[in-house]
């Protein structure tokens, strides 16, 4: 993987946790992701995974405020 990506994690050790989180979100919205390259999924599928991740992060934040 190239280090020229703008998608760098602030805490590099969190990479594994983020991958697990992404896989869980993909499973919840019915997108079949695999480890490694996923260039064969559609933009709609990728967006639904990202949207689900954001939704879950917002819910976790809101639950932390209570």
PDB file of N, CA and C in Angstrom:
ATOM      1  N   UNK A   1       0.832  -1.170   0.000  1.00  0.00           N
ATOM      2  CA  UNK A   1       0.000   0.000   0.000  1.00  0.00           C
ATOM      3  C   UNK A   1       0.880   1.238   0.000  1.00  0.00           C
ATOM      4  N   UNK A   2       0.540   2.190  -0.786  1.00  0.00           N
ATOM      5  CA  UNK A   2       1.309   3.420  -0.903  1.00  0.00           C
ATOM      6  C   UNK A   2       1.015   4.358   0.262  1.00  0.00           C
ATOM      7  N   UNK A   3       2.016   5.094   0.695  1.00  0.00           N
ATOM      8  CA  UNK A   3       1.830   6.077   1.760  1.00  0.00           C
ATOM      9  C   UNK A   3       1.405   7.425   1.217  1.00  0.00           C
ATOM     10  N   UNK A   4       1.081   7.520  -0.071  1.00  0.00           N
ATOM     11  CA  UNK A   4       0.642   8.774  -0.657  1.00  0.00           C
ATOM     12  C   UNK A   4      -0.853   8.998  -0.471  1.00  0.00           C
ATOM     13  N   UNK A   5      -1.530   8.068   0.166  1.00  0.00           N
ATOM     14  CA  UNK A   5      -2.968   8.158   0.367  1.00  0.00           C
ATOM     15  C   UNK A   5      -3.305   9.243   1.381  1.00  0.00           C
ATOM     16  N   UNK A   6      -4.413   9.918   1.164  1.00  0.00           N
ATOM     17  CA  UNK A   6      -4.872  10.907   2.142  1.00  0.00           C
ATOM     18  C   UNK A   6      -5.714  10.239   3.220  1.00  0.00           C
ATOM     19  N   UNK A   7      -5.883   8.921   3.142  1.00  0.00           N
ATOM     20  CA  UNK A   7      -6.692   8.185   4.104  1.00  0.00           C
ATOM     21  C   UNK A   7      -5.852   7.598   5.220  1.00  0.00           C
ATOM     22  N   UNK A   8      -4.887   8.353   5.708  1.00  0.00           N
ATOM     23  CA  UNK A   8      -4.032   7.860   6.782  1.00  0.00           C
ATOM     24  C   UNK A   8      -4.774   7.918   8.103  1.00  0.00           C
ATOM     25  N   UNK A   9      -4.613   6.875   8.900  1.00  0.00           N
ATOM     26  CA  UNK A   9      -5.199   6.861  10.227  1.00  0.00           C
ATOM     27  C   UNK A   9      -4.302   7.657  11.172  1.00  0.00           C
ATOM     28  N   UNK A  10      -4.898   8.390  12.072  1.00  0.00           N
ATOM     29  CA  UNK A  10      -4.137   9.164  13.043  1.00  0.00           C
ATOM     30  C   UNK A  10      -3.386   8.212  13.968  1.00  0.00           C
ATOM     31  N   UNK A  11      -4.030   7.100  14.313  1.00  0.00           N
ATOM     32  CA  UNK A  11      -3.407   6.080  15.153  1.00  0.00           C
ATOM     33  C   UNK A  11      -3.225   4.838  14.281  1.00  0.00           C
ATOM     34  N   UNK A  12      -2.014   4.633  13.745  1.00  0.00           N
ATOM     35  CA  UNK A  12      -1.806   3.503  12.825  1.00  0.00           C
ATOM     36  C   UNK A  12      -2.209   2.150  13.405  1.00  0.00           C
ATOM     37  N   UNK A  13      -2.118   1.977  14.704  1.00  0.00           N
ATOM     38  CA  UNK A  13      -2.497   0.710  15.323  1.00  0.00           C
ATOM     39  C   UNK A  13      -3.998   0.449  15.214  1.00  0.00           C
ATOM     40  N   UNK A  14      -4.780   1.443  14.855  1.00  0.00           N
ATOM     41  CA  UNK A  14      -6.227   1.283  14.742  1.00  0.00           C
ATOM     42  C   UNK A  14      -6.653   0.671  13.412  1.00  0.00           C
ATOM     43  N   UNK A  15      -5.701   0.439  12.520  1.00  0.00           N
ATOM     44  CA  UNK A  15      -6.036  -0.081  11.186  1.00  0.00           C
ATOM     45  C   UNK A  15      -6.862  -1.364  11.243  1.00  0.00           C
ATOM     46  N   UNK A  16      -6.454  -2.310  12.075  1.00  0.00           N
ATOM     47  CA  UNK A  16      -7.168  -3.589  12.169  1.00  0.00           C
ATOM     48  C   UNK A  16      -8.595  -3.381  12.677  1.00  0.00           C
ATOM     49  N   UNK A  17      -8.762  -2.517  13.675  1.00  0.00           N
ATOM     50  CA  UNK A  17     -10.094  -2.234  14.210  1.00  0.00           C
ATOM     51  C   UNK A  17     -10.972  -1.574  13.150  1.00  0.00           C
ATOM     52  N   UNK A  18     -10.402  -0.667  12.355  1.00  0.00           N
ATOM     53  CA  UNK A  18     -11.174  -0.009  11.302  1.00  0.00           C
ATOM     54  C   UNK A  18     -11.576  -0.995  10.210  1.00  0.00           C
ATOM     55  N   UNK A  19     -10.692  -1.925   9.882  1.00  0.00           N
ATOM     56  CA  UNK A  19     -11.032  -2.949   8.888  1.00  0.00           C
ATOM     57  C   UNK A  19     -12.188  -3.816   9.386  1.00  0.00           C
ATOM     58  N   UNK A  20     -12.139  -4.188  10.657  1.00  0.00           N
ATOM     59  CA  UNK A  20     -13.216  -4.994  11.247  1.00  0.00           C
ATOM     60  C   UNK A  20     -14.520  -4.204  11.235  1.00  0.00           C
ATOM     61  N   UNK A  21     -14.444  -2.932  11.610  1.00  0.00           N
ATOM     62  CA  UNK A  21     -15.611  -2.054  11.614  1.00  0.00           C
ATOM     63  C   UNK A  21     -16.213  -1.947  10.217  1.00  0.00           C
ATOM     64  N   UNK A  22     -15.354  -1.806   9.214  1.00  0.00           N
ATOM     65  CA  UNK A  22     -15.810  -1.700   7.820  1.00  0.00           C
ATOM     66  C   UNK A  22     -16.505  -2.986   7.383  1.00  0.00           C
ATOM     67  N   UNK A  23     -15.937  -4.126   7.747  1.00  0.00           N
ATOM     68  CA  UNK A  23     -16.535  -5.412   7.374  1.00  0.00           C
ATOM     69  C   UNK A  23     -17.896  -5.593   8.040  1.00  0.00           C
ATOM     70  N   UNK A  24     -18.016  -5.182   9.318  1.00  0.00           N
ATOM     71  CA  UNK A  24     -19.291  -5.276  10.020  1.00  0.00           C
ATOM     72  C   UNK A  24     -20.340  -4.395   9.351  1.00  0.00           C
ATOM     73  N   UNK A  25     -19.954  -3.175   9.007  1.00  0.00           N
ATOM     74  CA  UNK A  25     -20.886  -2.252   8.351  1.00  0.00           C
ATOM     75  C   UNK A  25     -21.317  -2.799   6.994  1.00  0.00           C
ATOM     76  N   UNK A  26     -20.377  -3.362   6.256  1.00  0.00           N
ATOM     77  CA  UNK A  26     -20.696  -3.935   4.939  1.00  0.00           C
ATOM     78  C   UNK A  26     -21.674  -5.088   5.086  1.00  0.00           C
ATOM     79  N   UNK A  27     -21.454  -5.922   6.079  1.00  0.00           N
ATOM     80  CA  UNK A  27     -22.346  -7.053   6.323  1.00  0.00           C
ATOM     81  C   UNK A  27     -23.756  -6.561   6.654  1.00  0.00           C
ATOM     82  N   UNK A  28     -23.860  -5.499   7.439  1.00  0.00           N
ATOM     83  CA  UNK A  28     -25.160  -4.958   7.833  1.00  0.00           C
ATOM     84  C   UNK A  28     -25.959  -4.425   6.654  1.00  0.00           C
ATOM     85  N   UNK A  29     -25.284  -3.896   5.648  1.00  0.00           N
ATOM     86  CA  UNK A  29     -26.001  -3.354   4.483  1.00  0.00           C
ATOM     87  C   UNK A  29     -26.011  -4.330   3.308  1.00  0.00           C
ATOM     88  N   UNK A  30     -25.489  -5.535   3.522  1.00  0.00           N
ATOM     89  CA  UNK A  30     -25.565  -6.576   2.498  1.00  0.00           C
ATOM     90  C   UNK A  30     -24.542  -6.465   1.384  1.00  0.00           C
ATOM     91  N   UNK A  31     -23.400  -5.842   1.651  1.00  0.00           N
ATOM     92  CA  UNK A  31     -22.339  -5.728   0.651  1.00  0.00           C
ATOM     93  C   UNK A  31     -21.272  -6.755   0.987  1.00  0.00           C
ATOM     94  N   UNK A  32     -20.892  -7.554   0.007  1.00  0.00           N
ATOM     95  CA  UNK A  32     -19.919  -8.611   0.213  1.00  0.00           C
ATOM     96  C   UNK A  32     -18.507  -8.067  -0.040  1.00  0.00           C
ATOM     97  N   UNK A  33     -17.848  -7.631   1.047  1.00  0.00           N
ATOM     98  CA  UNK A  33     -16.463  -7.174   0.938  1.00  0.00           C
ATOM     99  C   UNK A  33     -15.532  -8.339   1.220  1.00  0.00           C
ATOM    100  N   UNK A  34     -14.355  -8.268   0.646  1.00  0.00           N
ATOM    101  CA  UNK A  34     -13.328  -9.270   0.926  1.00  0.00           C
ATOM    102  C   UNK A  34     -12.076  -8.540   1.389  1.00  0.00           C
ATOM    103  N   UNK A  35     -11.187  -9.245   2.044  1.00  0.00           N
ATOM    104  CA  UNK A  35      -9.926  -8.633   2.452  1.00  0.00           C
ATOM    105  C   UNK A  35      -9.131  -8.284   1.213  1.00  0.00           C
ATOM    106  N   UNK A  36      -8.540  -7.115   1.212  1.00  0.00           N
ATOM    107  CA  UNK A  36      -7.747  -6.679   0.067  1.00  0.00           C
ATOM    108  C   UNK A  36      -8.546  -5.811  -0.879  1.00  0.00           C
ATOM    109  N   UNK A  37      -8.321  -5.985  -2.155  1.00  0.00           N
ATOM    110  CA  UNK A  37      -8.894  -5.149  -3.205  1.00  0.00           C
ATOM    111  C   UNK A  37     -10.393  -5.389  -3.364  1.00  0.00           C
ATOM    112  N   UNK A  38     -11.177  -4.317  -3.364  1.00  0.00           N
ATOM    113  CA  UNK A  38     -12.621  -4.405  -3.555  1.00  0.00           C
ATOM    114  C   UNK A  38     -13.081  -3.482  -4.681  1.00  0.00           C
ATOM    115  N   UNK A  39     -12.262  -3.333  -5.699  1.00  0.00           N
ATOM    116  CA  UNK A  39     -12.576  -2.446  -6.807  1.00  0.00           C
ATOM    117  C   UNK A  39     -13.719  -2.918  -7.676  1.00  0.00           C
ATOM    118  N   UNK A  40     -14.216  -4.117  -7.401  1.00  0.00           N
ATOM    119  CA  UNK A  40     -15.309  -4.645  -8.209  1.00  0.00           C
ATOM    120  C   UNK A  40     -16.690  -4.285  -7.649  1.00  0.00           C
ATOM    121  N   UNK A  41     -16.751  -3.587  -6.503  1.00  0.00           N
ATOM    122  CA  UNK A  41     -18.059  -3.184  -5.991  1.00  0.00           C
ATOM    123  C   UNK A  41     -18.442  -1.847  -6.623  1.00  0.00           C
ATOM    124  N   UNK A  42     -19.733  -1.587  -6.643  1.00  0.00           N
ATOM    125  CA  UNK A  42     -20.215  -0.350  -7.265  1.00  0.00           C
ATOM    126  C   UNK A  42     -20.027   0.837  -6.319  1.00  0.00           C
ATOM    127  N   UNK A  43     -20.114   2.025  -6.877  1.00  0.00           N
ATOM    128  CA  UNK A  43     -20.022   3.238  -6.064  1.00  0.00           C
ATOM    129  C   UNK A  43     -21.173   3.287  -5.062  1.00  0.00           C
ATOM    130  N   UNK A  44     -22.328   2.825  -5.462  1.00  0.00           N
ATOM    131  CA  UNK A  44     -23.489   2.790  -4.562  1.00  0.00           C
ATOM    132  C   UNK A  44     -23.212   1.873  -3.377  1.00  0.00           C
ATOM    133  N   UNK A  45     -22.619   0.708  -3.640  1.00  0.00           N
ATOM    134  CA  UNK A  45     -22.293  -0.215  -2.556  1.00  0.00           C
ATOM    135  C   UNK A  45     -21.247   0.385  -1.614  1.00  0.00           C
ATOM    136  N   UNK A  46     -20.212   0.976  -2.195  1.00  0.00           N
ATOM    137  CA  UNK A  46     -19.166   1.598  -1.382  1.00  0.00           C
ATOM    138  C   UNK A  46     -19.751   2.727  -0.536  1.00  0.00           C
ATOM    139  N   UNK A  47     -20.631   3.510  -1.116  1.00  0.00           N
ATOM    140  CA  UNK A  47     -21.269   4.596  -0.397  1.00  0.00           C
ATOM    141  C   UNK A  47     -22.155   4.106   0.722  1.00  0.00           C
ATOM    142  N   UNK A  48     -22.835   2.994   0.496  1.00  0.00           N
ATOM    143  CA  UNK A  48     -23.698   2.464   1.555  1.00  0.00           C
ATOM    144  C   UNK A  48     -22.873   1.957   2.729  1.00  0.00           C
ATOM    145  N   UNK A  49     -21.703   1.392   2.451  1.00  0.00           N
ATOM    146  CA  UNK A  49     -20.816   0.940   3.523  1.00  0.00           C
ATOM    147  C   UNK A  49     -20.313   2.151   4.314  1.00  0.00           C
ATOM    148  N   UNK A  50     -19.827   3.166   3.615  1.00  0.00           N
ATOM    149  CA  UNK A  50     -19.344   4.370   4.276  1.00  0.00           C
ATOM    150  C   UNK A  50     -20.442   5.063   5.062  1.00  0.00           C
ATOM    151  N   UNK A  51     -21.624   5.130   4.490  1.00  0.00           N
ATOM    152  CA  UNK A  51     -22.758   5.744   5.176  1.00  0.00           C
ATOM    153  C   UNK A  51     -23.130   4.999   6.443  1.00  0.00           C
ATOM    154  N   UNK A  52     -23.092   3.681   6.384  1.00  0.00           N
ATOM    155  CA  UNK A  52     -23.397   2.867   7.558  1.00  0.00           C
ATOM    156  C   UNK A  52     -22.346   3.081   8.645  1.00  0.00           C
ATOM    157  N   UNK A  53     -21.084   3.203   8.240  1.00  0.00           N
ATOM    158  CA  UNK A  53     -20.019   3.452   9.211  1.00  0.00           C
ATOM    159  C   UNK A  53     -20.240   4.792   9.912  1.00  0.00           C
ATOM    160  N   UNK A  54     -20.585   5.828   9.149  1.00  0.00           N
ATOM    161  CA  UNK A  54     -20.826   7.148   9.734  1.00  0.00           C
ATOM    162  C   UNK A  54     -22.036   7.096  10.668  1.00  0.00           C
ATOM    163  N   UNK A  55     -23.089   6.418  10.238  1.00  0.00           N
ATOM    164  CA  UNK A  55     -24.288   6.289  11.061  1.00  0.00           C
ATOM    165  C   UNK A  55     -23.952   5.652  12.401  1.00  0.00           C
ATOM    166  N   UNK A  56     -23.163   4.581  12.376  1.00  0.00           N
ATOM    167  CA  UNK A  56     -22.792   3.888  13.603  1.00  0.00           C
ATOM    168  C   UNK A  56     -21.889   4.758  14.480  1.00  0.00           C
ATOM    169  N   UNK A  57     -20.992   5.525  13.878  1.00  0.00           N
ATOM    170  CA  UNK A  57     -20.129   6.412  14.661  1.00  0.00           C
ATOM    171  C   UNK A  57     -20.936   7.508  15.343  1.00  0.00           C
ATOM    172  N   UNK A  58     -21.929   8.069  14.634  1.00  0.00           N
ATOM    173  CA  UNK A  58     -22.781   9.100  15.220  1.00  0.00           C
ATOM    174  C   UNK A  58     -23.600   8.518  16.371  1.00  0.00           C
ATOM    175  N   UNK A  59     -24.158   7.316  16.165  1.00  0.00           N
ATOM    176  CA  UNK A  59     -24.935   6.671  17.233  1.00  0.00           C
ATOM    177  C   UNK A  59     -24.050   6.426  18.460  1.00  0.00           C
ATOM    178  N   UNK A  60     -22.834   5.967  18.249  1.00  0.00           N
ATOM    179  CA  UNK A  60     -21.917   5.709  19.371  1.00  0.00           C
ATOM    180  C   UNK A  60     -21.598   7.005  20.104  1.00  0.00           C
ATOM    181  N   UNK A  61     -21.386   8.077  19.372  1.00  0.00           N
ATOM    182  CA  UNK A  61     -21.117   9.381  19.984  1.00  0.00           C
ATOM    183  C   UNK A  61     -22.319   9.848  20.800  1.00  0.00           C
ATOM    184  N   UNK A  62     -23.512   9.762  20.203  1.00  0.00           N
ATOM    185  CA  UNK A  62     -24.714  10.205  20.900  1.00  0.00           C
ATOM    186  C   UNK A  62     -24.963   9.374  22.156  1.00  0.00           C
ATOM    187  N   UNK A  63     -24.717   8.082  22.095  1.00  0.00           N
ATOM    188  CA  UNK A  63     -24.892   7.228  23.275  1.00  0.00           C
ATOM    189  C   UNK A  63     -23.873   7.568  24.343  1.00  0.00           C
ATOM    190  N   UNK A  64     -22.711   8.041  23.953  1.00  0.00           N
ATOM    191  CA  UNK A  64     -21.692   8.445  24.904  1.00  0.00           C
ATOM    192  C   UNK A  64     -22.031   9.739  25.628  1.00  0.00           C
ATOM    193  N   UNK A  65     -22.902  10.540  25.019  1.00  0.00           N
ATOM    194  CA  UNK A  65     -23.311  11.804  25.635  1.00  0.00           C
ATOM    195  C   UNK A  65     -24.346  11.593  26.729  1.00  0.00           C
ATOM    196  N   UNK A  66     -25.013  10.459  26.702  1.00  0.00           N
ATOM    197  CA  UNK A  66     -26.116  10.208  27.652  1.00  0.00           C
ATOM    198  C   UNK A  66     -25.591   9.709  28.978  1.00  0.00           C
TER     199      UNK A  66
END
